[in-house]
Amino acid sequence: MSEKLTATPGQTIGPFYGYALPFEKGGELLAPGLPGAIRLQGTVRDGAGDPIPDALLEIWQADAEGNIPQKTGSLVRDGYTFTGWGRVPVDNTGNYTFTTVNPGPTEEGSAPFISVVIFARGLLNKLHTRMYLPEDQDALAADPLLSSLPEDRRRTLIATREAGGGLRWDIKLQGEDETVFLAYPGA
């Protein structure tokens, strides 16, 4: 007799993520103050627009030249080595901050972006998305993902450049102005 098994569902963020997953300097992909270092910050909000105080974000990105770092020891923060990966919990008002670099395009003419994964209360599985740099309008218009979206949805993936050179990118999990989330078959 053949028994059909059901996959175990993903888990919500729960209290254990805040205890076990964050690590010292997890948001410092590069030490603050080093040449090329910028601040990426924003707020994670729910469908009503209220800040979510218990989300966790991970980012992956290319370096300033568009190269994907392939160094071991991503959890080790020596203050000099750019690893291209970071993880931070939001604070109690839903704000997050990374110290990183502006990613370069990974291919000639492509739009530079940072891959983002969000873990938060009420989510059975993590959410995948992207944050694009705002400057190169031609590259943004030619990007396959962005060009497949209506204008009002596209703008949810494009950061705003701040006066000091940093980036601001807010994430809304549902409702009006919901951030575009990506699905990866088989993931």
C-alpha atoms as a PDB file:
ATOM      1  CA  MET A   1       0.000   0.000   0.000  1.00  0.00           C
ATOM      2  CA  SER A   2       1.416   3.361  -1.064  1.00  0.00           C
ATOM      3  CA  GLU A   3       1.127   6.203   1.416  1.00  0.00           C
ATOM      4  CA  LYS A   4       0.980   9.799   0.197  1.00  0.00           C
ATOM      5  CA  LEU A   5       3.066  12.127   2.347  1.00  0.00           C
ATOM      6  CA  THR A   6       2.356  15.814   2.751  1.00  0.00           C
ATOM      7  CA  ALA A   7       5.229  18.282   2.853  1.00  0.00           C
ATOM      8  CA  THR A   8       5.813  20.030   6.144  1.00  0.00           C
ATOM      9  CA  PRO A   9       4.820  23.707   5.801  1.00  0.00           C
ATOM     10  CA  GLY A  10       7.308  26.561   6.268  1.00  0.00           C
ATOM     11  CA  GLN A  11       7.331  28.286   9.616  1.00  0.00           C
ATOM     12  CA  THR A  12       6.609  31.867  10.601  1.00  0.00           C
ATOM     13  CA  ILE A  13       9.452  33.978  11.907  1.00  0.00           C
ATOM     14  CA  GLY A  14       8.741  33.077  15.542  1.00  0.00           C
ATOM     15  CA  PRO A  15      10.801  34.189  18.515  1.00  0.00           C
ATOM     16  CA  PHE A  16      13.758  31.937  17.681  1.00  0.00           C
ATOM     17  CA  TYR A  17      14.845  33.952  14.620  1.00  0.00           C
ATOM     18  CA  GLY A  18      15.477  37.054  16.689  1.00  0.00           C
ATOM     19  CA  TYR A  19      17.589  34.979  19.038  1.00  0.00           C
ATOM     20  CA  ALA A  20      19.526  32.691  16.722  1.00  0.00           C
ATOM     21  CA  LEU A  21      19.866  34.296  13.295  1.00  0.00           C
ATOM     22  CA  PRO A  22      21.154  37.857  13.812  1.00  0.00           C
ATOM     23  CA  PHE A  23      24.898  38.148  14.359  1.00  0.00           C
ATOM     24  CA  GLU A  24      27.294  40.935  15.280  1.00  0.00           C
ATOM     25  CA  LYS A  25      27.729  43.472  12.459  1.00  0.00           C
ATOM     26  CA  GLY A  26      25.361  41.491  10.230  1.00  0.00           C
ATOM     27  CA  GLY A  27      24.313  44.688   8.457  1.00  0.00           C
ATOM     28  CA  GLU A  28      27.887  45.802   7.759  1.00  0.00           C
ATOM     29  CA  LEU A  29      28.788  44.388   4.364  1.00  0.00           C
ATOM     30  CA  LEU A  30      31.491  47.018   4.491  1.00  0.00           C
ATOM     31  CA  ALA A  31      32.632  49.033   7.512  1.00  0.00           C
ATOM     32  CA  PRO A  32      30.991  52.464   7.804  1.00  0.00           C
ATOM     33  CA  GLY A  33      33.336  55.234   6.721  1.00  0.00           C
ATOM     34  CA  LEU A  34      35.340  53.201   4.222  1.00  0.00           C
ATOM     35  CA  PRO A  35      35.572  54.641   0.692  1.00  0.00           C
ATOM     36  CA  GLY A  36      32.441  53.755  -1.280  1.00  0.00           C
ATOM     37  CA  ALA A  37      30.406  52.794   1.808  1.00  0.00           C
ATOM     38  CA  ILE A  38      26.747  53.855   1.685  1.00  0.00           C
ATOM     39  CA  ARG A  39      23.788  53.409   3.983  1.00  0.00           C
ATOM     40  CA  LEU A  40      20.780  51.414   2.759  1.00  0.00           C
ATOM     41  CA  GLN A  41      17.814  51.952   5.038  1.00  0.00           C
ATOM     42  CA  GLY A  42      14.070  51.672   5.113  1.00  0.00           C
ATOM     43  CA  THR A  43      11.004  50.535   7.001  1.00  0.00           C
ATOM     44  CA  VAL A  44       9.066  47.271   6.716  1.00  0.00           C
ATOM     45  CA  ARG A  45       5.287  47.843   6.922  1.00  0.00           C
ATOM     46  CA  ASP A  46       2.178  45.672   6.942  1.00  0.00           C
ATOM     47  CA  GLY A  47      -0.920  46.118   4.782  1.00  0.00           C
ATOM     48  CA  ALA A  48      -2.328  48.846   7.031  1.00  0.00           C
ATOM     49  CA  GLY A  49       0.924  50.805   6.764  1.00  0.00           C
ATOM     50  CA  ASP A  50       2.006  50.032  10.324  1.00  0.00           C
ATOM     51  CA  PRO A  51       5.676  49.214  10.971  1.00  0.00           C
ATOM     52  CA  ILE A  52       6.474  45.546  11.595  1.00  0.00           C
ATOM     53  CA  PRO A  53       8.764  45.271  14.644  1.00  0.00           C
ATOM     54  CA  ASP A  54       9.943  41.688  14.183  1.00  0.00           C
ATOM     55  CA  ALA A  55      11.014  41.219  10.561  1.00  0.00           C
ATOM     56  CA  LEU A  56      14.433  39.975   9.474  1.00  0.00           C
ATOM     57  CA  LEU A  57      16.056  40.956   6.144  1.00  0.00           C
ATOM     58  CA  GLU A  58      18.874  39.367   4.169  1.00  0.00           C
ATOM     59  CA  ILE A  59      20.564  40.962   1.176  1.00  0.00           C
ATOM     60  CA  TRP A  60      22.850  39.590  -1.543  1.00  0.00           C
ATOM     61  CA  GLN A  61      24.535  41.840  -4.053  1.00  0.00           C
ATOM     62  CA  ALA A  62      27.387  42.450  -6.472  1.00  0.00           C
ATOM     63  CA  ASP A  63      30.285  44.718  -5.542  1.00  0.00           C
ATOM     64  CA  ALA A  64      30.731  48.194  -7.051  1.00  0.00           C
ATOM     65  CA  GLU A  65      32.280  46.703 -10.206  1.00  0.00           C
ATOM     66  CA  GLY A  66      29.417  44.237 -10.740  1.00  0.00           C
ATOM     67  CA  ASN A  67      31.348  41.189  -9.542  1.00  0.00           C
ATOM     68  CA  ILE A  68      29.643  38.611  -7.335  1.00  0.00           C
ATOM     69  CA  PRO A  69      31.864  38.120  -4.251  1.00  0.00           C
ATOM     70  CA  GLN A  70      32.961  34.530  -3.759  1.00  0.00           C
ATOM     71  CA  LYS A  71      34.764  34.759  -0.453  1.00  0.00           C
ATOM     72  CA  THR A  72      34.374  32.290   2.377  1.00  0.00           C
ATOM     73  CA  GLY A  73      33.424  33.404   5.849  1.00  0.00           C
ATOM     74  CA  SER A  74      30.434  35.626   5.142  1.00  0.00           C
ATOM     75  CA  LEU A  75      29.612  35.747   8.859  1.00  0.00           C
ATOM     76  CA  VAL A  76      33.084  37.061   9.689  1.00  0.00           C
ATOM     77  CA  ARG A  77      33.132  40.855   9.553  1.00  0.00           C
ATOM     78  CA  ASP A  78      36.733  42.071   9.449  1.00  0.00           C
ATOM     79  CA  GLY A  79      35.802  45.642   8.509  1.00  0.00           C
ATOM     80  CA  TYR A  80      37.535  45.491   5.120  1.00  0.00           C
ATOM     81  CA  THR A  81      36.332  42.490   3.138  1.00  0.00           C
ATOM     82  CA  PHE A  82      33.138  43.048   1.146  1.00  0.00           C
ATOM     83  CA  THR A  83      31.177  39.780   1.266  1.00  0.00           C
ATOM     84  CA  GLY A  84      28.058  40.812  -0.673  1.00  0.00           C
ATOM     85  CA  TRP A  85      25.775  39.308   1.975  1.00  0.00           C
ATOM     86  CA  GLY A  86      24.158  40.675   5.122  1.00  0.00           C
ATOM     87  CA  ARG A  87      21.378  39.961   7.608  1.00  0.00           C
ATOM     88  CA  VAL A  88      19.654  42.343  10.017  1.00  0.00           C
ATOM     89  CA  PRO A  89      16.566  42.353  12.186  1.00  0.00           C
ATOM     90  CA  VAL A  90      14.429  45.471  12.041  1.00  0.00           C
ATOM     91  CA  ASP A  91      14.205  47.609  15.168  1.00  0.00           C
ATOM     92  CA  ASN A  92      11.037  47.966  17.241  1.00  0.00           C
ATOM     93  CA  THR A  93       9.675  50.549  14.776  1.00  0.00           C
ATOM     94  CA  GLY A  94      10.271  48.410  11.667  1.00  0.00           C
ATOM     95  CA  ASN A  95      13.456  50.184  10.512  1.00  0.00           C
ATOM     96  CA  TYR A  96      16.483  48.424   9.044  1.00  0.00           C
ATOM     97  CA  THR A  97      19.967  49.621   8.074  1.00  0.00           C
ATOM     98  CA  PHE A  98      22.785  48.068   6.051  1.00  0.00           C
ATOM     99  CA  THR A  99      26.200  49.560   5.331  1.00  0.00           C
ATOM    100  CA  THR A 100      27.121  48.445   1.844  1.00  0.00           C
ATOM    101  CA  VAL A 101      28.225  49.720  -1.579  1.00  0.00           C
ATOM    102  CA  ASN A 102      26.287  50.707  -4.661  1.00  0.00           C
ATOM    103  CA  PRO A 103      26.218  47.462  -6.640  1.00  0.00           C
ATOM    104  CA  GLY A 104      27.537  47.609 -10.162  1.00  0.00           C
ATOM    105  CA  PRO A 105      25.710  46.051 -13.111  1.00  0.00           C
ATOM    106  CA  THR A 106      26.496  42.342 -13.468  1.00  0.00           C
ATOM    107  CA  GLU A 107      26.267  42.637 -17.273  1.00  0.00           C
ATOM    108  CA  GLU A 108      26.884  45.514 -19.663  1.00  0.00           C
ATOM    109  CA  GLY A 109      23.784  47.733 -19.769  1.00  0.00           C
ATOM    110  CA  SER A 110      21.915  45.855 -17.025  1.00  0.00           C
ATOM    111  CA  ALA A 111      20.310  47.619 -14.077  1.00  0.00           C
ATOM    112  CA  PRO A 112      22.192  47.238 -10.765  1.00  0.00           C
ATOM    113  CA  PHE A 113      20.100  45.680  -7.999  1.00  0.00           C
ATOM    114  CA  ILE A 114      20.265  44.084  -4.565  1.00  0.00           C
ATOM    115  CA  SER A 115      18.422  40.806  -3.900  1.00  0.00           C
ATOM    116  CA  VAL A 116      16.381  40.897  -0.698  1.00  0.00           C
ATOM    117  CA  VAL A 117      14.725  38.169   1.369  1.00  0.00           C
ATOM    118  CA  ILE A 118      12.196  39.040   4.081  1.00  0.00           C
ATOM    119  CA  PHE A 119      11.166  36.893   7.029  1.00  0.00           C
ATOM    120  CA  ALA A 120       8.296  38.288   9.122  1.00  0.00           C
ATOM    121  CA  ARG A 121       5.448  37.384  11.425  1.00  0.00           C
ATOM    122  CA  GLY A 122       2.541  35.740   9.703  1.00  0.00           C
ATOM    123  CA  LEU A 123       4.600  34.590   6.728  1.00  0.00           C
ATOM    124  CA  LEU A 124       4.727  30.861   6.243  1.00  0.00           C
ATOM    125  CA  ASN A 125       7.603  31.256   3.800  1.00  0.00           C
ATOM    126  CA  LYS A 126      10.168  33.946   3.147  1.00  0.00           C
ATOM    127  CA  LEU A 127       9.537  36.612   0.519  1.00  0.00           C
ATOM    128  CA  HIS A 128      12.004  37.359  -2.293  1.00  0.00           C
ATOM    129  CA  THR A 129      12.303  40.735  -3.980  1.00  0.00           C
ATOM    130  CA  ARG A 130      14.816  43.157  -5.478  1.00  0.00           C
ATOM    131  CA  MET A 131      15.850  46.732  -4.833  1.00  0.00           C
ATOM    132  CA  TYR A 132      17.127  48.671  -7.848  1.00  0.00           C
ATOM    133  CA  LEU A 133      19.348  51.762  -7.909  1.00  0.00           C
ATOM    134  CA  PRO A 134      17.442  54.794  -9.231  1.00  0.00           C
ATOM    135  CA  GLU A 135      19.983  56.520 -11.481  1.00  0.00           C
ATOM    136  CA  ASP A 136      20.287  54.676 -14.822  1.00  0.00           C
ATOM    137  CA  GLN A 137      16.858  55.170 -16.379  1.00  0.00           C
ATOM    138  CA  ASP A 138      17.817  53.421 -19.630  1.00  0.00           C
ATOM    139  CA  ALA A 139      18.988  50.298 -17.777  1.00  0.00           C
ATOM    140  CA  LEU A 140      15.858  50.342 -15.594  1.00  0.00           C
ATOM    141  CA  ALA A 141      13.615  50.585 -18.683  1.00  0.00           C
ATOM    142  CA  ALA A 142      15.451  47.664 -20.336  1.00  0.00           C
ATOM    143  CA  ASP A 143      15.468  45.399 -17.262  1.00  0.00           C
ATOM    144  CA  PRO A 144      13.400  42.266 -18.039  1.00  0.00           C
ATOM    145  CA  LEU A 145      11.743  42.152 -14.604  1.00  0.00           C
ATOM    146  CA  LEU A 146      10.956  45.855 -14.346  1.00  0.00           C
ATOM    147  CA  SER A 147       9.748  46.149 -17.934  1.00  0.00           C
ATOM    148  CA  SER A 148       7.286  43.289 -17.320  1.00  0.00           C
ATOM    149  CA  LEU A 149       5.541  45.307 -14.591  1.00  0.00           C
ATOM    150  CA  PRO A 150       3.052  48.175 -14.783  1.00  0.00           C
ATOM    151  CA  GLU A 151       4.608  51.542 -13.851  1.00  0.00           C
ATOM    152  CA  ASP A 152       2.890  51.749 -10.434  1.00  0.00           C
ATOM    153  CA  ARG A 153       4.242  48.303  -9.476  1.00  0.00           C
ATOM    154  CA  ARG A 154       7.706  48.931 -10.941  1.00  0.00           C
ATOM    155  CA  ARG A 155       8.333  51.896  -8.643  1.00  0.00           C
ATOM    156  CA  THR A 156       7.973  49.658  -5.559  1.00  0.00           C
ATOM    157  CA  LEU A 157      11.332  48.098  -6.500  1.00  0.00           C
ATOM    158  CA  ILE A 158      13.317  51.310  -7.086  1.00  0.00           C
ATOM    159  CA  ALA A 159      15.092  52.972  -4.168  1.00  0.00           C
ATOM    160  CA  THR A 160      15.386  56.707  -3.578  1.00  0.00           C
ATOM    161  CA  ARG A 161      18.816  58.328  -3.386  1.00  0.00           C
ATOM    162  CA  GLU A 162      19.222  60.379  -0.198  1.00  0.00           C
ATOM    163  CA  ALA A 163      21.154  63.641   0.191  1.00  0.00           C
ATOM    164  CA  GLY A 164      24.220  61.960   1.745  1.00  0.00           C
ATOM    165  CA  GLY A 165      24.465  59.401  -1.081  1.00  0.00           C
ATOM    166  CA  GLY A 166      22.686  56.582   0.749  1.00  0.00           C
ATOM    167  CA  LEU A 167      19.569  54.747  -0.372  1.00  0.00           C
ATOM    168  CA  ARG A 168      16.082  54.597   1.117  1.00  0.00           C
ATOM    169  CA  TRP A 169      13.828  51.694   0.209  1.00  0.00           C
ATOM    170  CA  ASP A 170      10.673  50.886   2.155  1.00  0.00           C
ATOM    171  CA  ILE A 171       8.985  47.496   1.962  1.00  0.00           C
ATOM    172  CA  LYS A 172       5.216  47.021   2.195  1.00  0.00           C
ATOM    173  CA  LEU A 173       4.087  43.423   2.644  1.00  0.00           C
ATOM    174  CA  GLN A 174       0.551  43.815   1.269  1.00  0.00           C
ATOM    175  CA  GLY A 175      -2.178  46.277   0.346  1.00  0.00           C
ATOM    176  CA  GLU A 176      -1.885  49.482  -1.631  1.00  0.00           C
ATOM    177  CA  ASP A 177       1.685  50.038  -2.874  1.00  0.00           C
ATOM    178  CA  GLU A 178       2.633  46.458  -1.948  1.00  0.00           C
ATOM    179  CA  THR A 179       6.246  45.714  -2.853  1.00  0.00           C
ATOM    180  CA  VAL A 180       6.588  43.340  -5.812  1.00  0.00           C
ATOM    181  CA  PHE A 181       7.617  39.889  -4.587  1.00  0.00           C
ATOM    182  CA  LEU A 182       9.187  37.204  -6.743  1.00  0.00           C
ATOM    183  CA  ALA A 183       8.485  33.482  -7.039  1.00  0.00           C
ATOM    184  CA  TYR A 184      11.223  31.029  -7.917  1.00  0.00           C
ATOM    185  CA  PRO A 185       9.962  27.676  -9.234  1.00  0.00           C
ATOM    186  CA  GLY A 186      11.179  24.804  -7.123  1.00  0.00           C
ATOM    187  CA  ALA A 187      12.375  27.038  -4.281  1.00  0.00           C
END
